[in-house]
Amino acid sequence: MTIINPNMSLLQIVELSPQSEEVFHQYDDEAGCCLLCNNLFDSLEEVARTYSLDLDQILAKLIKLDHTMQQ
């Protein structure tokens, strides 16, 4: 099992957990753009820093979603 971490690109996360698109789209308004459209190859950490997003919150949502999908 691969654990989602801040160094993974958005693409890697979506490949690992396709449902993660929903989580990323929750932050599009706050970022002012489609994160997946503009930052697919950037790490989650870079994206959070660039758009002043709460990295810990995003990571928690992604991990929770990933664990939910595996059950």
Protein backbone atom coordinates (compact mmCIF):
# COMPACT_ATOMS: atom_id res chain seq x y z
CA MET A 1 0.00 0.00 0.00
CA THR A 2 1.35 3.40 -1.00
CA ILE A 3 0.74 6.19 1.48
CA ILE A 4 -0.07 9.59 0.03
CA ASN A 5 2.57 12.13 1.03
CA PRO A 6 3.31 15.82 0.32
CA ASN A 7 6.14 15.02 -2.09
CA MET A 8 3.86 13.21 -4.54
CA SER A 9 2.65 15.04 -7.63
CA LEU A 10 -1.07 15.63 -8.04
CA LEU A 11 -0.92 13.20 -10.97
CA GLN A 12 0.60 10.47 -8.81
CA ILE A 13 -2.10 10.99 -6.18
CA VAL A 14 -4.93 10.87 -8.74
CA GLU A 15 -3.44 7.74 -10.33
CA LEU A 16 -3.28 6.11 -6.91
CA SER A 17 -6.74 7.31 -5.86
CA PRO A 18 -8.96 8.58 -8.71
CA GLN A 19 -11.53 9.80 -6.17
CA SER A 20 -8.97 12.33 -4.96
CA GLU A 21 -10.06 14.58 -7.82
CA GLU A 22 -13.06 15.49 -5.66
CA VAL A 23 -10.76 16.65 -2.87
CA PHE A 24 -8.65 18.78 -5.22
CA HIS A 25 -11.74 20.38 -6.75
CA GLN A 26 -12.84 21.47 -3.25
CA TYR A 27 -9.84 23.84 -3.27
CA ASP A 28 -10.23 25.28 -6.78
CA ASP A 29 -12.19 28.34 -5.60
CA GLU A 30 -9.73 29.08 -2.80
CA ALA A 31 -6.80 28.74 -5.21
CA GLY A 32 -8.56 30.75 -7.90
CA CYS A 33 -7.94 28.10 -10.55
CA CYS A 34 -8.37 24.44 -11.37
CA LEU A 35 -5.53 22.83 -9.43
CA LEU A 36 -5.49 19.69 -11.55
CA CYS A 37 -5.57 21.70 -14.78
CA ASN A 38 -2.66 23.97 -13.83
CA ASN A 39 -0.54 21.92 -11.43
CA LEU A 40 -0.88 18.26 -12.37
CA PHE A 41 2.89 17.65 -12.31
CA ASP A 42 3.63 19.69 -9.17
CA SER A 43 3.96 18.15 -5.73
CA LEU A 44 1.14 18.54 -3.25
CA GLU A 45 3.52 20.51 -1.03
CA GLU A 46 4.37 22.95 -3.85
CA VAL A 47 0.71 23.46 -4.72
CA ALA A 48 -0.24 24.14 -1.11
CA ARG A 49 2.60 26.62 -0.74
CA THR A 50 1.88 28.37 -4.06
CA TYR A 51 -1.80 28.93 -3.28
CA SER A 52 -1.49 29.31 0.53
CA LEU A 53 -3.61 26.21 1.12
CA ASP A 54 -3.62 24.19 4.34
CA LEU A 55 -1.37 21.25 3.44
CA ASP A 56 -2.22 19.28 6.58
CA GLN A 57 -5.94 19.62 5.92
CA ILE A 58 -5.65 18.51 2.29
CA LEU A 59 -3.40 15.60 3.22
CA ALA A 60 -5.81 14.49 5.97
CA LYS A 61 -8.72 14.51 3.50
CA LEU A 62 -6.74 12.54 0.92
CA ILE A 63 -5.57 9.95 3.43
CA LYS A 64 -9.07 9.57 4.87
CA LEU A 65 -10.50 9.11 1.36
CA ASP A 66 -7.80 6.59 0.50
CA HIS A 67 -8.48 4.55 3.64
CA THR A 68 -12.24 4.69 3.03
CA MET A 69 -11.84 3.40 -0.52
CA GLN A 70 -9.66 0.48 0.60
CA GLN A 71 -12.26 -0.87 3.03
